[in-house]
Amino acid sequence: MLHTDDALQTDGALQHPEWASLRAPRQERFKVCERESKTKAFSKVGLQLEDRVDPNEAALQETADWLRRCPTACRLLMIQCFR
């Protein structure tokens, strides 16, 4: 069982060994996120990165493309059915 009194030192840092194993992966993910967010868009690194696409926007774009293709596909199906 973890007790906060055991984990807190005088400086307030969490030092309990069990918490360290939980904290390490989160720190690595944060470092990656922070590095990506601090990359300037027009720097050499930023210009070499691929455009990041929001998953929701990608889904909306895919649906819009599908809707644009529907009338043509329906016409082709109707032509094939009446032959």
C-alpha atoms as a PDB file:
ATOM      1  CA  MET A   1       0.000   0.000   0.000  1.00  0.00           C
ATOM      2  CA  LEU A   2       1.341   3.435  -0.914  1.00  0.00           C
ATOM      3  CA  HIS A   3       1.262   6.116   1.728  1.00  0.00           C
ATOM      4  CA  THR A   4       1.775   9.744   0.850  1.00  0.00           C
ATOM      5  CA  ASP A   5       3.895  10.273   3.977  1.00  0.00           C
ATOM      6  CA  ASP A   6       6.339   7.619   2.725  1.00  0.00           C
ATOM      7  CA  ALA A   7       6.549   9.107  -0.742  1.00  0.00           C
ATOM      8  CA  LEU A   8       6.942  12.798   0.040  1.00  0.00           C
ATOM      9  CA  GLN A   9      10.300  14.205   0.917  1.00  0.00           C
ATOM     10  CA  THR A  10      11.024  17.622   2.334  1.00  0.00           C
ATOM     11  CA  ASP A  11      11.106  19.154  -1.172  1.00  0.00           C
ATOM     12  CA  GLY A  12       7.698  17.629  -2.005  1.00  0.00           C
ATOM     13  CA  ALA A  13       8.962  15.412  -4.840  1.00  0.00           C
ATOM     14  CA  LEU A  14       7.381  11.998  -5.180  1.00  0.00           C
ATOM     15  CA  GLN A  15      10.173   9.500  -4.652  1.00  0.00           C
ATOM     16  CA  HIS A  16       8.399   6.229  -3.836  1.00  0.00           C
ATOM     17  CA  PRO A  17       9.812   3.385  -6.004  1.00  0.00           C
ATOM     18  CA  GLU A  18       6.368   2.172  -7.075  1.00  0.00           C
ATOM     19  CA  TRP A  19       5.405   5.658  -8.221  1.00  0.00           C
ATOM     20  CA  ALA A  20       8.634   6.067 -10.152  1.00  0.00           C
ATOM     21  CA  SER A  21       7.700   3.129 -12.382  1.00  0.00           C
ATOM     22  CA  LEU A  22       4.342   4.762 -13.093  1.00  0.00           C
ATOM     23  CA  ARG A  23       5.848   8.191 -13.610  1.00  0.00           C
ATOM     24  CA  ALA A  24       8.623   7.307 -16.098  1.00  0.00           C
ATOM     25  CA  PRO A  25       6.459   6.378 -19.149  1.00  0.00           C
ATOM     26  CA  ARG A  26       4.289   9.435 -18.641  1.00  0.00           C
ATOM     27  CA  GLN A  27       7.342  11.672 -18.533  1.00  0.00           C
ATOM     28  CA  GLU A  28       8.584  10.219 -21.826  1.00  0.00           C
ATOM     29  CA  ARG A  29       5.194  10.810 -23.505  1.00  0.00           C
ATOM     30  CA  PHE A  30       5.205  14.358 -22.163  1.00  0.00           C
ATOM     31  CA  LYS A  31       8.714  14.976 -23.539  1.00  0.00           C
ATOM     32  CA  VAL A  32       7.611  13.834 -27.005  1.00  0.00           C
ATOM     33  CA  CYS A  33       4.461  15.970 -26.852  1.00  0.00           C
ATOM     34  CA  GLU A  34       6.405  18.989 -25.620  1.00  0.00           C
ATOM     35  CA  ARG A  35       9.035  18.581 -28.347  1.00  0.00           C
ATOM     36  CA  GLU A  36       6.335  18.401 -31.035  1.00  0.00           C
ATOM     37  CA  SER A  37       4.495  21.427 -29.718  1.00  0.00           C
ATOM     38  CA  LYS A  38       7.667  23.521 -29.468  1.00  0.00           C
ATOM     39  CA  THR A  39       8.788  22.788 -33.038  1.00  0.00           C
ATOM     40  CA  LYS A  40       8.365  25.983 -35.020  1.00  0.00           C
ATOM     41  CA  ALA A  41       6.346  25.561 -38.192  1.00  0.00           C
ATOM     42  CA  PHE A  42       8.893  27.234 -40.464  1.00  0.00           C
ATOM     43  CA  SER A  43      12.062  25.795 -38.947  1.00  0.00           C
ATOM     44  CA  LYS A  44      14.066  23.181 -40.857  1.00  0.00           C
ATOM     45  CA  VAL A  45      12.613  20.428 -38.708  1.00  0.00           C
ATOM     46  CA  GLY A  46       9.096  21.841 -38.925  1.00  0.00           C
ATOM     47  CA  LEU A  47       9.201  22.082 -42.705  1.00  0.00           C
ATOM     48  CA  GLN A  48      10.350  18.474 -42.985  1.00  0.00           C
ATOM     49  CA  LEU A  49       7.483  17.156 -40.850  1.00  0.00           C
ATOM     50  CA  GLU A  50       4.396  15.829 -42.533  1.00  0.00           C
ATOM     51  CA  ASP A  51       1.236  17.811 -42.035  1.00  0.00           C
ATOM     52  CA  ARG A  52      -0.574  16.653 -38.949  1.00  0.00           C
ATOM     53  CA  VAL A  53      -4.197  15.844 -39.622  1.00  0.00           C
ATOM     54  CA  ASP A  54      -6.781  15.864 -36.893  1.00  0.00           C
ATOM     55  CA  PRO A  55      -8.554  12.450 -36.858  1.00  0.00           C
ATOM     56  CA  ASN A  56     -11.964  14.143 -36.761  1.00  0.00           C
ATOM     57  CA  GLU A  57     -11.121  16.312 -39.757  1.00  0.00           C
ATOM     58  CA  ALA A  58      -9.816  13.268 -41.620  1.00  0.00           C
ATOM     59  CA  ALA A  59     -13.083  11.424 -40.977  1.00  0.00           C
ATOM     60  CA  LEU A  60     -15.102  14.439 -42.141  1.00  0.00           C
ATOM     61  CA  GLN A  61     -12.996  14.724 -45.294  1.00  0.00           C
ATOM     62  CA  GLU A  62     -13.394  11.018 -46.033  1.00  0.00           C
ATOM     63  CA  THR A  63     -17.174  11.280 -45.636  1.00  0.00           C
ATOM     64  CA  ALA A  64     -17.340  14.365 -47.843  1.00  0.00           C
ATOM     65  CA  ASP A  65     -15.305  12.611 -50.543  1.00  0.00           C
ATOM     66  CA  TRP A  66     -17.597   9.578 -50.348  1.00  0.00           C
ATOM     67  CA  LEU A  67     -20.672  11.806 -50.703  1.00  0.00           C
ATOM     68  CA  ARG A  68     -19.165  13.467 -53.782  1.00  0.00           C
ATOM     69  CA  ARG A  69     -18.564  10.055 -55.368  1.00  0.00           C
ATOM     70  CA  CYS A  70     -22.075   8.731 -54.610  1.00  0.00           C
ATOM     71  CA  PRO A  71     -24.027  10.335 -57.497  1.00  0.00           C
ATOM     72  CA  THR A  72     -21.573   9.030 -60.076  1.00  0.00           C
ATOM     73  CA  ALA A  73     -21.561   5.558 -58.559  1.00  0.00           C
ATOM     74  CA  CYS A  74     -25.371   5.504 -58.434  1.00  0.00           C
ATOM     75  CA  ARG A  75     -25.632   6.544 -62.093  1.00  0.00           C
ATOM     76  CA  LEU A  76     -23.229   3.779 -63.094  1.00  0.00           C
ATOM     77  CA  LEU A  77     -25.221   1.209 -61.127  1.00  0.00           C
ATOM     78  CA  MET A  78     -28.465   2.347 -62.745  1.00  0.00           C
ATOM     79  CA  ILE A  79     -26.937   2.100 -66.216  1.00  0.00           C
ATOM     80  CA  GLN A  80     -25.705  -1.425 -65.492  1.00  0.00           C
ATOM     81  CA  CYS A  81     -29.088  -2.513 -64.110  1.00  0.00           C
ATOM     82  CA  PHE A  82     -31.048  -1.316 -67.167  1.00  0.00           C
ATOM     83  CA  ARG A  83     -28.808  -2.902 -69.762  1.00  0.00           C
END
